[in-house]
Each structure stands twice: as structure tokens, then as C-alpha cells.
Protein backbone atom coordinates (compact mmCIF):
# COMPACT_ATOMS: atom_id res chain seq x y z
CA UNK A 1 1.60 -8.83 5.05
CA UNK A 2 1.73 -7.64 8.64
CA UNK A 3 2.18 -10.38 11.23
CA UNK A 4 1.06 -10.17 14.84
CA UNK A 5 2.17 -12.72 17.42
CA UNK A 6 0.59 -12.86 20.87
CA UNK A 7 2.26 -14.39 23.90
CA UNK A 8 1.90 -14.48 27.67
CA UNK A 9 -1.33 -16.40 28.03
CA UNK A 10 -1.74 -19.29 30.41
CA UNK A 11 -3.54 -20.63 33.45
CA UNK A 12 -3.91 -18.41 36.49
CA UNK A 13 -5.99 -18.46 39.66
CA UNK A 14 -8.71 -15.91 40.24
CA UNK A 15 -7.24 -12.69 41.58
CA UNK A 16 -3.95 -13.25 39.83
CA UNK A 17 -2.27 -11.35 37.03
CA UNK A 18 -0.96 -11.94 33.53
CA UNK A 19 0.72 -9.72 30.98
CA UNK A 20 0.04 -10.38 27.33
CA UNK A 21 2.40 -9.20 24.62
CA UNK A 22 1.81 -8.69 20.92
CA UNK A 23 4.84 -8.39 18.67
CA UNK A 24 4.19 -6.82 15.28
CA UNK A 25 6.12 -6.77 12.06
CA UNK A 26 6.29 -3.69 9.88
CA UNK A 27 8.13 -0.40 9.60
CA UNK A 28 5.29 1.96 10.60
CA UNK A 29 3.97 0.40 13.80
CA UNK A 30 3.47 3.79 15.44
CA UNK A 31 1.12 4.92 12.66
CA UNK A 32 -1.62 2.52 13.74
CA UNK A 33 -3.85 2.07 16.70
CA UNK A 34 -3.77 -1.35 18.33
CA UNK A 35 -6.47 -3.30 20.06
CA UNK A 36 -7.10 -6.35 22.18
CA UNK A 37 -10.20 -8.48 21.74
CA UNK A 38 -11.27 -11.72 23.35
CA UNK A 39 -13.55 -14.59 22.51
CA UNK A 40 -14.85 -17.03 25.07
CA UNK A 41 -16.03 -20.48 24.07
CA UNK A 42 -19.41 -20.26 22.40
CA UNK A 43 -19.46 -16.46 22.58
CA UNK A 44 -18.91 -13.63 20.13
CA UNK A 45 -15.63 -11.80 19.93
CA UNK A 46 -15.68 -8.71 22.13
CA UNK A 47 -13.65 -5.56 22.53
CA UNK A 48 -11.27 -5.41 25.47
CA UNK A 49 -8.94 -2.43 25.07
CA UNK A 50 -7.39 -0.17 22.44
CA UNK A 51 -4.59 2.35 22.23
CA UNK A 52 -3.80 5.06 19.69
CA UNK A 53 -0.69 5.04 17.53
CA UNK A 54 1.23 7.37 19.83
CA UNK A 55 -0.10 5.77 23.00
CA UNK A 56 -1.73 9.02 24.03
CA UNK A 57 -5.29 7.72 24.06
CA UNK A 58 -6.77 4.49 25.39
CA UNK A 59 -10.17 2.89 25.67
CA UNK A 60 -11.44 -0.04 27.73
CA UNK A 61 -14.49 -2.22 27.90
CA UNK A 62 -16.53 -1.60 31.04
CA UNK A 63 -15.95 -5.18 32.13
CA UNK A 64 -12.18 -4.69 32.41
CA UNK A 65 -11.89 -1.01 33.30
CA UNK A 66 -9.76 -0.54 36.39
CA UNK A 67 -8.26 -4.02 36.11
CA UNK A 68 -6.59 -4.10 32.69
CA UNK A 69 -4.05 -1.67 31.23
CA UNK A 70 -3.04 -1.43 27.59
CA UNK A 71 0.32 0.06 26.66
CA UNK A 72 2.75 0.06 23.78
CA UNK A 73 6.44 0.38 23.06
CA UNK A 74 6.77 1.60 19.51
CA UNK A 75 10.55 1.18 19.53
CA UNK A 76 9.95 -2.54 20.07
CA UNK A 77 6.88 -2.83 17.83
CA UNK A 78 5.02 -4.31 20.78
CA UNK A 79 1.71 -3.73 22.51
CA UNK A 80 0.92 -5.08 25.98
CA UNK A 81 -2.13 -5.93 28.01
CA UNK A 82 -1.55 -6.03 31.75
CA UNK A 83 -4.37 -7.98 33.36
CA UNK A 84 -4.83 -7.75 37.12
CA UNK A 85 -7.48 -9.08 39.49
CA UNK A 86 -8.42 -11.72 36.97
CA UNK A 87 -11.83 -13.35 37.17
CA UNK A 88 -13.09 -16.66 35.76
CA UNK A 89 -15.22 -14.68 33.31
CA UNK A 90 -12.01 -13.32 31.78
CA UNK A 91 -11.30 -16.80 30.42
CA UNK A 92 -11.05 -16.53 26.64
CA UNK A 93 -8.74 -16.50 23.68
CA UNK A 94 -7.21 -13.04 23.49
CA UNK A 95 -6.44 -11.53 20.10
CA UNK A 96 -4.20 -8.64 19.17
CA UNK A 97 -5.18 -6.51 16.17
CA UNK A 98 -3.80 -3.58 14.17
CA UNK A 99 -6.16 -0.76 13.35
CA UNK A 100 -6.91 0.93 10.07
CA UNK A 101 -5.70 4.28 11.39
CA UNK A 102 -3.82 5.85 14.29
CA UNK A 103 -6.95 6.57 16.32
CA UNK A 104 -8.57 4.41 18.97
CA UNK A 105 -11.20 2.04 17.57
CA UNK A 106 -13.50 -0.21 19.57
CA UNK A 107 -15.15 -2.23 16.82
CA UNK A 108 -13.47 -5.23 15.20
CA UNK A 109 -14.39 -3.72 11.83
CA UNK A 110 -11.75 -1.07 12.50
CA UNK A 111 -8.92 -3.58 12.37
CA UNK A 112 -7.40 -5.26 9.35
CA UNK A 113 -4.68 -7.50 10.79
CA UNK A 114 -5.14 -10.07 13.53
CA UNK A 115 -2.93 -12.41 15.50
CA UNK A 116 -3.71 -16.05 16.08
CA UNK A 117 -4.65 -15.51 19.71
CA UNK A 118 -3.40 -16.69 23.07
CA UNK A 119 -5.45 -18.63 25.60
CA UNK A 120 -6.10 -17.16 29.02
CA UNK A 121 -7.75 -19.44 31.57
CA UNK A 122 -8.71 -18.18 35.02
CA UNK A 123 -9.61 -20.83 37.58
CA UNK A 124 -11.89 -20.36 40.57
């Protein structure tokens, strides 16, 4: 079974930055799109960003567009989420997920493997 391990979360002040990493197992990492989702306390899980298998296409939620950047290094089986200009409303558990195909997907139903999540807390 594919394993995804997120890291890089923590506590940061508003306006600060964090970079999340997601390390994946498997021999065909580049064949799958990857996504980041987040879930705040008491809220539903929501789409944050996604990237195609080659890294040639990306998609972002309106709430993070211009502030977050998703990227991947297929040689390292790793996907990243660079988060800048963080706001308190970005506070959530962030999850990495592997897609069902190489294309960009924005619904959680398009992903079949999930990490355990990493907590991001942004203080005022």
C-alpha cells in the first residue's frame, strides 16, 4: 500500500510562511497527480491545491491563490506546499493525497491514498 507522510507543519504568526512536504512511497510517483487538502476544527475537508503527475499543471482554491504554491520533485517522490502570507483562517490539519490518475483533480473523491496530516496553526 502507498504511504504518504506529511511534515513541516507548526505554529506561525500571521503573515509568516511555512513549507509543507509530503514524502511518498512507490515506484511510479510521477504517474499520479497529487493534492493538498485541509480540515479546520468542526469544518469539512476542503481542497487547497493540486498538481499533475509531470508538474505541468496546477490548480488552487480561490482562498489560497496567490499565496500558496504547490510543486513536486519526482526524483525524490515528494510534493511540497509553500504557504506564504499566512492568515489565521489557514489554521487546519493539512493532508497530502495521491490521485487516481496523472491529471489535476480538485475533489477528494479523486484521490485514493491519504497521509495522516500535519497541523498548521496561524496566530493573530
